[in-house]
Amino acid sequence: SGASDVYKGRALRWAGRAAVSYWHVAITRQSLRFPLTPLVVSLHLIYLLRGIRHNRRSDFIIAGLILGFGLYTYQAIRMLPVVIVAAVGIAFIFNAKTMKDRLNYVLNLAVLVAISFSVFIPMFRYSVDYPELFWRRTTGRLLGDDVIQETLADGTVIYRDASPQERVEAFMSNVP
């Protein structure tokens, strides 16, 4: 009980610091979504790692709900499924001693995917209907902009489509 009170006190102090932090307040007042990324990732990792450690379905269900809702917050969360597959794969290889444990990991991963996808269905429908809008920022960050603005010698501004070579060059410079 005493240790629990210490952690609650620390959590309250950190929450208080975040509530009055200049950067946190300035960013959230502008309705930017990226401050939600650490919250979603930390909550998700707490339940994913608990689920992996104890191989409990309830933790995988909560991790699936957090992932499903988290996919609505910021594009960086779209990398979490890769982390999930890697983490469960590592647990499958190193933690699962019996066939029953392996089957439980596979079923729990399937439950996590099903729960998170069921929460993500409306956004999935949007991604199917408007893929260019859904993936615009991601492809722009990886492959560069698809339309390039150039200023000619006489000061005229023109817009042109990026060539495949320019997209490959942008990808090579953005990946690192």
N, C-alpha and C. Protein backbone atom coordinates (compact mmCIF):
# COMPACT_ATOMS: atom_id res chain seq x y z
N SER A 1 0.82 -1.19 0.00
CA SER A 1 0.00 0.00 0.00
C SER A 1 0.87 1.25 0.00
N GLY A 2 1.97 1.23 0.77
CA GLY A 2 2.85 2.39 0.84
C GLY A 2 3.53 2.65 -0.49
N ALA A 3 3.99 1.58 -1.16
CA ALA A 3 4.62 1.74 -2.47
C ALA A 3 3.61 2.26 -3.48
N SER A 4 2.38 1.79 -3.38
CA SER A 4 1.33 2.24 -4.27
C SER A 4 1.09 3.74 -4.13
N ASP A 5 1.11 4.22 -2.89
CA ASP A 5 0.91 5.65 -2.65
C ASP A 5 2.07 6.48 -3.23
N VAL A 6 3.28 5.93 -3.16
CA VAL A 6 4.44 6.62 -3.72
C VAL A 6 4.27 6.78 -5.22
N TYR A 7 3.85 5.69 -5.91
CA TYR A 7 3.68 5.76 -7.36
C TYR A 7 2.54 6.71 -7.73
N LYS A 8 1.47 6.72 -6.96
CA LYS A 8 0.37 7.65 -7.23
C LYS A 8 0.85 9.09 -7.08
N GLY A 9 1.66 9.35 -6.06
CA GLY A 9 2.20 10.69 -5.86
C GLY A 9 3.07 11.13 -7.02
N ARG A 10 3.92 10.22 -7.49
CA ARG A 10 4.78 10.54 -8.64
C ARG A 10 3.93 10.80 -9.88
N ALA A 11 2.94 9.96 -10.08
CA ALA A 11 2.08 10.13 -11.26
C ALA A 11 1.36 11.47 -11.21
N LEU A 12 0.88 11.84 -10.04
CA LEU A 12 0.20 13.13 -9.92
C LEU A 12 1.15 14.29 -10.15
N ARG A 13 2.38 14.19 -9.66
CA ARG A 13 3.35 15.26 -9.89
C ARG A 13 3.66 15.40 -11.38
N TRP A 14 3.86 14.26 -12.07
CA TRP A 14 4.14 14.32 -13.51
C TRP A 14 2.93 14.84 -14.27
N ALA A 15 1.74 14.46 -13.88
CA ALA A 15 0.53 14.97 -14.54
C ALA A 15 0.41 16.47 -14.32
N GLY A 16 0.74 16.92 -13.12
CA GLY A 16 0.71 18.36 -12.84
C GLY A 16 1.73 19.12 -13.68
N ARG A 17 2.92 18.54 -13.82
CA ARG A 17 3.95 19.18 -14.65
C ARG A 17 3.50 19.26 -16.11
N ALA A 18 2.91 18.18 -16.60
CA ALA A 18 2.44 18.19 -17.99
C ALA A 18 1.31 19.21 -18.18
N ALA A 19 0.46 19.35 -17.17
CA ALA A 19 -0.68 20.27 -17.28
C ALA A 19 -0.25 21.72 -17.39
N VAL A 20 0.90 22.07 -16.84
CA VAL A 20 1.35 23.46 -16.90
C VAL A 20 2.58 23.63 -17.80
N SER A 21 3.02 22.57 -18.44
CA SER A 21 4.17 22.64 -19.33
C SER A 21 3.85 23.52 -20.53
N TYR A 22 4.73 24.46 -20.83
CA TYR A 22 4.49 25.38 -21.94
C TYR A 22 4.30 24.62 -23.25
N TRP A 23 5.22 23.70 -23.56
CA TRP A 23 5.15 23.01 -24.85
C TRP A 23 3.91 22.14 -24.94
N HIS A 24 3.59 21.44 -23.88
CA HIS A 24 2.40 20.59 -23.91
C HIS A 24 1.14 21.42 -24.12
N VAL A 25 1.01 22.51 -23.38
CA VAL A 25 -0.17 23.36 -23.50
C VAL A 25 -0.24 24.02 -24.87
N ALA A 26 0.89 24.53 -25.36
CA ALA A 26 0.90 25.21 -26.66
C ALA A 26 0.53 24.25 -27.79
N ILE A 27 1.05 23.04 -27.74
CA ILE A 27 0.78 22.08 -28.81
C ILE A 27 -0.67 21.60 -28.75
N THR A 28 -1.17 21.31 -27.58
CA THR A 28 -2.53 20.79 -27.49
C THR A 28 -3.57 21.88 -27.74
N ARG A 29 -3.26 23.13 -27.46
CA ARG A 29 -4.20 24.21 -27.78
C ARG A 29 -4.37 24.38 -29.28
N GLN A 30 -3.38 23.97 -30.03
CA GLN A 30 -3.48 24.04 -31.49
C GLN A 30 -4.15 22.79 -32.07
N SER A 31 -4.61 21.92 -31.22
CA SER A 31 -5.31 20.68 -31.60
C SER A 31 -4.44 19.75 -32.44
N LEU A 32 -3.15 19.77 -32.18
CA LEU A 32 -2.27 18.81 -32.84
C LEU A 32 -2.43 17.46 -32.16
N ARG A 33 -2.31 16.40 -32.95
CA ARG A 33 -2.60 15.07 -32.42
C ARG A 33 -1.38 14.31 -31.94
N PHE A 34 -0.19 14.72 -32.31
CA PHE A 34 0.97 13.90 -31.95
C PHE A 34 1.25 13.80 -30.47
N PRO A 35 0.79 14.70 -29.59
CA PRO A 35 1.02 14.45 -28.16
C PRO A 35 0.29 13.21 -27.64
N LEU A 36 -0.68 12.71 -28.38
CA LEU A 36 -1.38 11.50 -27.96
C LEU A 36 -0.56 10.24 -28.20
N THR A 37 0.45 10.31 -29.06
CA THR A 37 1.23 9.13 -29.42
C THR A 37 1.90 8.48 -28.21
N PRO A 38 2.62 9.22 -27.35
CA PRO A 38 3.22 8.55 -26.19
C PRO A 38 2.19 7.93 -25.27
N LEU A 39 1.04 8.57 -25.10
CA LEU A 39 -0.01 8.02 -24.26
C LEU A 39 -0.51 6.69 -24.81
N VAL A 40 -0.85 6.69 -26.09
CA VAL A 40 -1.38 5.47 -26.71
C VAL A 40 -0.33 4.36 -26.71
N VAL A 41 0.89 4.69 -27.08
CA VAL A 41 1.95 3.66 -27.15
C VAL A 41 2.24 3.09 -25.78
N SER A 42 2.33 3.98 -24.75
CA SER A 42 2.63 3.45 -23.41
C SER A 42 1.50 2.58 -22.89
N LEU A 43 0.26 3.03 -23.04
CA LEU A 43 -0.86 2.19 -22.58
C LEU A 43 -0.88 0.87 -23.32
N HIS A 44 -0.66 0.94 -24.63
CA HIS A 44 -0.69 -0.28 -25.42
C HIS A 44 0.43 -1.23 -25.01
N LEU A 45 1.63 -0.70 -24.82
CA LEU A 45 2.75 -1.57 -24.43
C LEU A 45 2.55 -2.17 -23.05
N ILE A 46 1.93 -1.43 -22.14
CA ILE A 46 1.66 -1.98 -20.81
C ILE A 46 0.82 -3.24 -20.94
N TYR A 47 -0.28 -3.15 -21.69
CA TYR A 47 -1.17 -4.31 -21.79
C TYR A 47 -0.62 -5.38 -22.72
N LEU A 48 0.09 -4.99 -23.77
CA LEU A 48 0.68 -5.99 -24.65
C LEU A 48 1.75 -6.80 -23.89
N LEU A 49 2.62 -6.11 -23.16
CA LEU A 49 3.67 -6.83 -22.43
C LEU A 49 3.09 -7.67 -21.29
N ARG A 50 2.05 -7.16 -20.63
CA ARG A 50 1.38 -7.98 -19.61
C ARG A 50 0.76 -9.21 -20.26
N GLY A 51 0.15 -9.02 -21.42
CA GLY A 51 -0.45 -10.16 -22.12
C GLY A 51 0.59 -11.17 -22.55
N ILE A 52 1.73 -10.68 -23.01
CA ILE A 52 2.80 -11.60 -23.43
C ILE A 52 3.40 -12.31 -22.22
N ARG A 53 3.60 -11.57 -21.15
CA ARG A 53 4.22 -12.17 -19.96
C ARG A 53 3.34 -13.27 -19.37
N HIS A 54 2.04 -12.98 -19.23
CA HIS A 54 1.14 -13.94 -18.57
C HIS A 54 0.29 -14.73 -19.55
N ASN A 55 0.35 -14.39 -20.83
CA ASN A 55 -0.43 -15.06 -21.88
C ASN A 55 -1.92 -15.06 -21.53
N ARG A 56 -2.41 -13.87 -21.09
CA ARG A 56 -3.81 -13.72 -20.71
C ARG A 56 -4.57 -13.01 -21.81
N ARG A 57 -5.70 -13.56 -22.16
CA ARG A 57 -6.51 -12.99 -23.23
C ARG A 57 -7.06 -11.62 -22.87
N SER A 58 -7.39 -11.39 -21.60
CA SER A 58 -7.96 -10.09 -21.21
C SER A 58 -6.98 -8.95 -21.51
N ASP A 59 -5.70 -9.17 -21.29
CA ASP A 59 -4.71 -8.13 -21.60
C ASP A 59 -4.60 -7.90 -23.10
N PHE A 60 -4.70 -8.95 -23.89
CA PHE A 60 -4.66 -8.80 -25.34
C PHE A 60 -5.91 -8.07 -25.84
N ILE A 61 -7.05 -8.30 -25.22
CA ILE A 61 -8.28 -7.60 -25.60
C ILE A 61 -8.14 -6.10 -25.33
N ILE A 62 -7.64 -5.75 -24.17
CA ILE A 62 -7.45 -4.33 -23.84
C ILE A 62 -6.41 -3.71 -24.78
N ALA A 63 -5.34 -4.44 -25.07
CA ALA A 63 -4.33 -3.93 -26.01
C ALA A 63 -4.95 -3.73 -27.40
N GLY A 64 -5.85 -4.61 -27.80
CA GLY A 64 -6.53 -4.45 -29.08
C GLY A 64 -7.44 -3.23 -29.11
N LEU A 65 -8.15 -3.00 -28.01
CA LEU A 65 -9.00 -1.79 -27.93
C LEU A 65 -8.15 -0.52 -28.00
N ILE A 66 -7.05 -0.51 -27.27
CA ILE A 66 -6.17 0.66 -27.28
C ILE A 66 -5.59 0.89 -28.67
N LEU A 67 -5.17 -0.18 -29.33
CA LEU A 67 -4.64 -0.04 -30.69
C LEU A 67 -5.71 0.47 -31.64
N GLY A 68 -6.91 -0.10 -31.56
CA GLY A 68 -7.99 0.32 -32.44
C GLY A 68 -8.31 1.80 -32.30
N PHE A 69 -8.43 2.27 -31.06
CA PHE A 69 -8.69 3.69 -30.83
C PHE A 69 -7.45 4.53 -31.16
N GLY A 70 -6.27 3.99 -30.89
CA GLY A 70 -5.05 4.73 -31.15
C GLY A 70 -4.82 5.00 -32.63
N LEU A 71 -5.31 4.12 -33.49
CA LEU A 71 -5.15 4.33 -34.92
C LEU A 71 -5.89 5.55 -35.42
N TYR A 72 -6.80 6.08 -34.62
CA TYR A 72 -7.51 7.31 -34.98
C TYR A 72 -6.72 8.55 -34.58
N THR A 73 -5.68 8.42 -33.79
CA THR A 73 -5.03 9.60 -33.24
C THR A 73 -3.95 10.17 -34.15
N TYR A 74 -2.93 9.43 -34.46
CA TYR A 74 -1.81 9.98 -35.21
C TYR A 74 -1.22 8.89 -36.08
N GLN A 75 -0.67 9.28 -37.24
CA GLN A 75 -0.20 8.30 -38.22
C GLN A 75 0.94 7.43 -37.71
N ALA A 76 1.72 7.91 -36.77
CA ALA A 76 2.85 7.11 -36.27
C ALA A 76 2.38 5.84 -35.58
N ILE A 77 1.14 5.84 -35.10
CA ILE A 77 0.58 4.65 -34.44
C ILE A 77 0.44 3.50 -35.44
N ARG A 78 0.42 3.80 -36.71
CA ARG A 78 0.28 2.74 -37.73
C ARG A 78 1.45 1.78 -37.73
N MET A 79 2.53 2.11 -37.02
CA MET A 79 3.68 1.21 -36.92
C MET A 79 3.51 0.20 -35.79
N LEU A 80 2.55 0.43 -34.89
CA LEU A 80 2.37 -0.49 -33.75
C LEU A 80 2.05 -1.92 -34.16
N PRO A 81 1.27 -2.17 -35.22
CA PRO A 81 1.06 -3.58 -35.60
C PRO A 81 2.35 -4.33 -35.89
N VAL A 82 3.35 -3.65 -36.44
CA VAL A 82 4.64 -4.30 -36.67
C VAL A 82 5.29 -4.66 -35.34
N VAL A 83 5.20 -3.76 -34.37
CA VAL A 83 5.75 -4.02 -33.03
C VAL A 83 5.02 -5.20 -32.38
N ILE A 84 3.71 -5.24 -32.55
CA ILE A 84 2.91 -6.32 -31.96
C ILE A 84 3.32 -7.67 -32.53
N VAL A 85 3.41 -7.76 -33.84
CA VAL A 85 3.78 -9.03 -34.47
C VAL A 85 5.18 -9.45 -34.04
N ALA A 86 6.10 -8.49 -33.98
CA ALA A 86 7.46 -8.81 -33.55
C ALA A 86 7.49 -9.28 -32.10
N ALA A 87 6.76 -8.59 -31.23
CA ALA A 87 6.76 -8.95 -29.81
C ALA A 87 6.13 -10.32 -29.58
N VAL A 88 5.00 -10.57 -30.23
CA VAL A 88 4.36 -11.88 -30.06
C VAL A 88 5.21 -12.97 -30.70
N GLY A 89 5.87 -12.66 -31.81
CA GLY A 89 6.76 -13.63 -32.44
C GLY A 89 7.93 -14.00 -31.53
N ILE A 90 8.50 -13.00 -30.89
CA ILE A 90 9.59 -13.27 -29.95
C ILE A 90 9.10 -14.09 -28.76
N ALA A 91 7.92 -13.75 -28.25
CA ALA A 91 7.34 -14.51 -27.14
C ALA A 91 7.04 -15.94 -27.58
N PHE A 92 6.55 -16.08 -28.79
CA PHE A 92 6.24 -17.40 -29.34
C PHE A 92 7.49 -18.27 -29.38
N ILE A 93 8.60 -17.66 -29.76
CA ILE A 93 9.85 -18.42 -29.89
C ILE A 93 10.48 -18.70 -28.53
N PHE A 94 10.53 -17.68 -27.66
CA PHE A 94 11.29 -17.83 -26.42
C PHE A 94 10.45 -18.20 -25.19
N ASN A 95 9.19 -17.78 -25.13
CA ASN A 95 8.38 -18.04 -23.93
C ASN A 95 7.53 -19.29 -24.02
N ALA A 96 7.05 -19.59 -25.21
CA ALA A 96 6.12 -20.71 -25.36
C ALA A 96 6.90 -22.03 -25.29
N LYS A 97 6.65 -22.78 -24.22
CA LYS A 97 7.35 -24.05 -24.03
C LYS A 97 6.54 -25.23 -24.57
N THR A 98 5.23 -25.14 -24.44
CA THR A 98 4.38 -26.24 -24.88
C THR A 98 3.56 -25.81 -26.10
N MET A 99 2.95 -26.80 -26.71
CA MET A 99 2.09 -26.52 -27.87
C MET A 99 0.87 -25.71 -27.44
N LYS A 100 0.39 -25.94 -26.22
CA LYS A 100 -0.76 -25.18 -25.71
C LYS A 100 -0.41 -23.71 -25.56
N ASP A 101 0.79 -23.42 -25.07
CA ASP A 101 1.23 -22.02 -24.95
C ASP A 101 1.32 -21.36 -26.32
N ARG A 102 1.86 -22.08 -27.29
CA ARG A 102 1.98 -21.53 -28.65
C ARG A 102 0.60 -21.25 -29.25
N LEU A 103 -0.31 -22.19 -29.05
CA LEU A 103 -1.66 -22.00 -29.56
C LEU A 103 -2.33 -20.80 -28.88
N ASN A 104 -2.10 -20.64 -27.58
CA ASN A 104 -2.67 -19.49 -26.87
C ASN A 104 -2.12 -18.17 -27.40
N TYR A 105 -0.82 -18.11 -27.69
CA TYR A 105 -0.25 -16.89 -28.25
C TYR A 105 -0.88 -16.57 -29.61
N VAL A 106 -1.03 -17.57 -30.43
CA VAL A 106 -1.63 -17.35 -31.76
C VAL A 106 -3.08 -16.89 -31.61
N LEU A 107 -3.85 -17.55 -30.75
CA LEU A 107 -5.24 -17.16 -30.55
C LEU A 107 -5.35 -15.76 -29.94
N ASN A 108 -4.49 -15.47 -28.97
CA ASN A 108 -4.52 -14.14 -28.36
C ASN A 108 -4.15 -13.05 -29.37
N LEU A 109 -3.19 -13.34 -30.24
CA LEU A 109 -2.85 -12.38 -31.29
C LEU A 109 -4.03 -12.20 -32.24
N ALA A 110 -4.70 -13.28 -32.57
CA ALA A 110 -5.88 -13.18 -33.45
C ALA A 110 -6.98 -12.36 -32.79
N VAL A 111 -7.18 -12.54 -31.49
CA VAL A 111 -8.18 -11.75 -30.76
C VAL A 111 -7.80 -10.28 -30.77
N LEU A 112 -6.53 -9.98 -30.52
CA LEU A 112 -6.06 -8.59 -30.54
C LEU A 112 -6.32 -7.97 -31.91
N VAL A 113 -6.00 -8.68 -32.98
CA VAL A 113 -6.21 -8.17 -34.33
C VAL A 113 -7.70 -7.96 -34.60
N ALA A 114 -8.53 -8.93 -34.20
CA ALA A 114 -9.97 -8.81 -34.45
C ALA A 114 -10.58 -7.64 -33.68
N ILE A 115 -10.19 -7.47 -32.44
CA ILE A 115 -10.72 -6.37 -31.62
C ILE A 115 -10.28 -5.03 -32.20
N SER A 116 -8.99 -4.89 -32.49
CA SER A 116 -8.50 -3.61 -33.00
C SER A 116 -9.10 -3.31 -34.37
N PHE A 117 -9.27 -4.33 -35.20
CA PHE A 117 -9.86 -4.09 -36.52
C PHE A 117 -11.34 -3.72 -36.41
N SER A 118 -12.04 -4.32 -35.45
CA SER A 118 -13.46 -3.98 -35.30
C SER A 118 -13.63 -2.53 -34.87
N VAL A 119 -12.71 -2.01 -34.07
CA VAL A 119 -12.76 -0.60 -33.70
C VAL A 119 -12.33 0.28 -34.87
N PHE A 120 -11.43 -0.23 -35.71
CA PHE A 120 -10.87 0.53 -36.83
C PHE A 120 -11.75 0.50 -38.08
N ILE A 121 -12.82 -0.29 -38.11
CA ILE A 121 -13.63 -0.48 -39.33
C ILE A 121 -14.08 0.84 -39.97
N PRO A 122 -14.61 1.82 -39.24
CA PRO A 122 -14.99 3.06 -39.93
C PRO A 122 -13.83 3.75 -40.65
N MET A 123 -12.67 3.78 -40.01
CA MET A 123 -11.51 4.39 -40.67
C MET A 123 -11.02 3.52 -41.82
N PHE A 124 -11.15 2.21 -41.70
CA PHE A 124 -10.78 1.31 -42.79
C PHE A 124 -11.66 1.59 -44.01
N ARG A 125 -12.94 1.78 -43.78
CA ARG A 125 -13.86 2.10 -44.89
C ARG A 125 -13.43 3.39 -45.58
N TYR A 126 -13.06 4.39 -44.78
CA TYR A 126 -12.57 5.64 -45.34
C TYR A 126 -11.30 5.40 -46.16
N SER A 127 -10.40 4.55 -45.66
CA SER A 127 -9.15 4.28 -46.38
C SER A 127 -9.41 3.56 -47.69
N VAL A 128 -10.47 2.78 -47.75
CA VAL A 128 -10.83 2.10 -49.00
C VAL A 128 -11.47 3.09 -49.98
N ASP A 129 -12.35 3.96 -49.46
CA ASP A 129 -13.04 4.92 -50.32
C ASP A 129 -12.12 6.04 -50.81
N TYR A 130 -11.21 6.50 -49.96
CA TYR A 130 -10.32 7.62 -50.29
C TYR A 130 -8.87 7.28 -49.96
N PRO A 131 -8.29 6.31 -50.67
CA PRO A 131 -6.92 5.90 -50.31
C PRO A 131 -5.89 7.01 -50.49
N GLU A 132 -6.09 7.87 -51.48
CA GLU A 132 -5.11 8.94 -51.70
C GLU A 132 -5.10 9.93 -50.53
N LEU A 133 -6.25 10.19 -49.93
CA LEU A 133 -6.30 11.08 -48.77
C LEU A 133 -5.80 10.38 -47.51
N PHE A 134 -6.16 9.10 -47.37
CA PHE A 134 -5.76 8.35 -46.18
C PHE A 134 -4.24 8.19 -46.11
N TRP A 135 -3.61 7.91 -47.23
CA TRP A 135 -2.17 7.63 -47.25
C TRP A 135 -1.33 8.83 -47.66
N ARG A 136 -1.93 10.01 -47.88
CA ARG A 136 -1.18 11.16 -48.41
C ARG A 136 0.02 11.53 -47.55
N ARG A 137 -0.17 11.69 -46.28
CA ARG A 137 0.94 12.13 -45.42
C ARG A 137 2.02 11.06 -45.33
N THR A 138 1.61 9.81 -45.24
CA THR A 138 2.59 8.72 -45.16
C THR A 138 3.41 8.62 -46.43
N THR A 139 2.75 8.64 -47.57
CA THR A 139 3.50 8.56 -48.84
C THR A 139 4.33 9.81 -49.06
N GLY A 140 3.82 10.96 -48.61
CA GLY A 140 4.59 12.18 -48.74
C GLY A 140 5.87 12.14 -47.92
N ARG A 141 5.80 11.54 -46.73
CA ARG A 141 6.99 11.44 -45.88
C ARG A 141 7.97 10.42 -46.43
N LEU A 142 7.47 9.34 -47.00
CA LEU A 142 8.37 8.30 -47.52
C LEU A 142 8.87 8.60 -48.92
N LEU A 143 7.95 9.01 -49.82
CA LEU A 143 8.30 9.13 -51.23
C LEU A 143 8.40 10.57 -51.71
N GLY A 144 8.28 11.52 -50.83
CA GLY A 144 8.30 12.92 -51.24
C GLY A 144 6.94 13.32 -51.80
N ASP A 145 6.80 14.57 -52.10
CA ASP A 145 5.52 15.07 -52.62
C ASP A 145 5.33 14.60 -54.06
N ASP A 146 4.07 14.32 -54.40
CA ASP A 146 3.79 13.87 -55.76
C ASP A 146 3.71 15.04 -56.74
N VAL A 147 3.51 16.25 -56.25
CA VAL A 147 3.51 17.45 -57.07
C VAL A 147 4.64 18.35 -56.59
N ILE A 148 5.47 18.78 -57.53
CA ILE A 148 6.62 19.60 -57.20
C ILE A 148 6.39 21.01 -57.72
N GLN A 149 6.68 21.98 -56.87
CA GLN A 149 6.57 23.38 -57.26
C GLN A 149 7.95 23.89 -57.66
N GLU A 150 8.03 24.47 -58.86
CA GLU A 150 9.29 25.02 -59.35
C GLU A 150 9.08 26.47 -59.74
N THR A 151 10.11 27.27 -59.56
CA THR A 151 10.08 28.67 -59.99
C THR A 151 11.05 28.81 -61.16
N LEU A 152 10.53 29.25 -62.30
CA LEU A 152 11.36 29.42 -63.48
C LEU A 152 12.21 30.68 -63.34
N ALA A 153 13.13 30.85 -64.26
CA ALA A 153 14.05 32.00 -64.23
C ALA A 153 13.30 33.33 -64.29
N ASP A 154 12.16 33.36 -65.01
CA ASP A 154 11.41 34.61 -65.12
C ASP A 154 10.47 34.85 -63.93
N GLY A 155 10.50 33.96 -62.93
CA GLY A 155 9.68 34.13 -61.73
C GLY A 155 8.34 33.42 -61.78
N THR A 156 8.06 32.76 -62.88
CA THR A 156 6.80 32.02 -63.01
C THR A 156 6.88 30.75 -62.16
N VAL A 157 5.81 30.51 -61.42
CA VAL A 157 5.73 29.30 -60.60
C VAL A 157 4.93 28.26 -61.36
N ILE A 158 5.53 27.08 -61.50
CA ILE A 158 4.82 25.98 -62.16
C ILE A 158 4.76 24.78 -61.22
N TYR A 159 3.77 23.94 -61.46
CA TYR A 159 3.61 22.70 -60.71
C TYR A 159 3.71 21.55 -61.69
N ARG A 160 4.45 20.53 -61.31
CA ARG A 160 4.59 19.36 -62.17
C ARG A 160 4.59 18.10 -61.33
N ASP A 161 4.27 16.99 -61.94
CA ASP A 161 4.29 15.70 -61.24
C ASP A 161 5.74 15.26 -61.04
N ALA A 162 6.00 14.67 -59.90
CA ALA A 162 7.34 14.16 -59.62
C ALA A 162 7.60 12.93 -60.48
N SER A 163 8.81 12.82 -60.97
CA SER A 163 9.17 11.65 -61.78
C SER A 163 9.43 10.46 -60.86
N PRO A 164 9.35 9.26 -61.40
CA PRO A 164 9.66 8.08 -60.57
C PRO A 164 11.07 8.14 -59.98
N GLN A 165 12.02 8.68 -60.73
CA GLN A 165 13.39 8.80 -60.23
C GLN A 165 13.45 9.73 -59.02
N GLU A 166 12.69 10.84 -59.06
CA GLU A 166 12.66 11.77 -57.94
C GLU A 166 12.01 11.13 -56.71
N ARG A 167 10.99 10.30 -56.94
CA ARG A 167 10.34 9.61 -55.82
C ARG A 167 11.29 8.61 -55.17
N VAL A 168 12.08 7.90 -55.99
CA VAL A 168 13.05 6.94 -55.46
C VAL A 168 14.14 7.68 -54.68
N GLU A 169 14.61 8.80 -55.21
CA GLU A 169 15.62 9.60 -54.51
C GLU A 169 15.09 10.11 -53.18
N ALA A 170 13.83 10.55 -53.17
CA ALA A 170 13.22 11.02 -51.93
C ALA A 170 13.11 9.87 -50.92
N PHE A 171 12.74 8.69 -51.40
CA PHE A 171 12.64 7.53 -50.51
C PHE A 171 14.01 7.20 -49.91
N MET A 172 15.04 7.21 -50.72
CA MET A 172 16.39 6.89 -50.24
C MET A 172 16.87 7.92 -49.22
N SER A 173 16.48 9.18 -49.38
CA SER A 173 16.92 10.19 -48.41
C SER A 173 16.04 10.22 -47.18
N ASN A 174 14.78 9.77 -47.28
CA ASN A 174 13.86 9.82 -46.13
C ASN A 174 13.94 8.60 -45.24
N VAL A 175 14.33 7.45 -45.76
CA VAL A 175 14.35 6.23 -44.97
C VAL A 175 15.31 6.31 -43.77
N PRO A 176 16.53 6.82 -43.95
CA PRO A 176 17.41 6.88 -42.77
C PRO A 176 16.84 7.77 -41.68
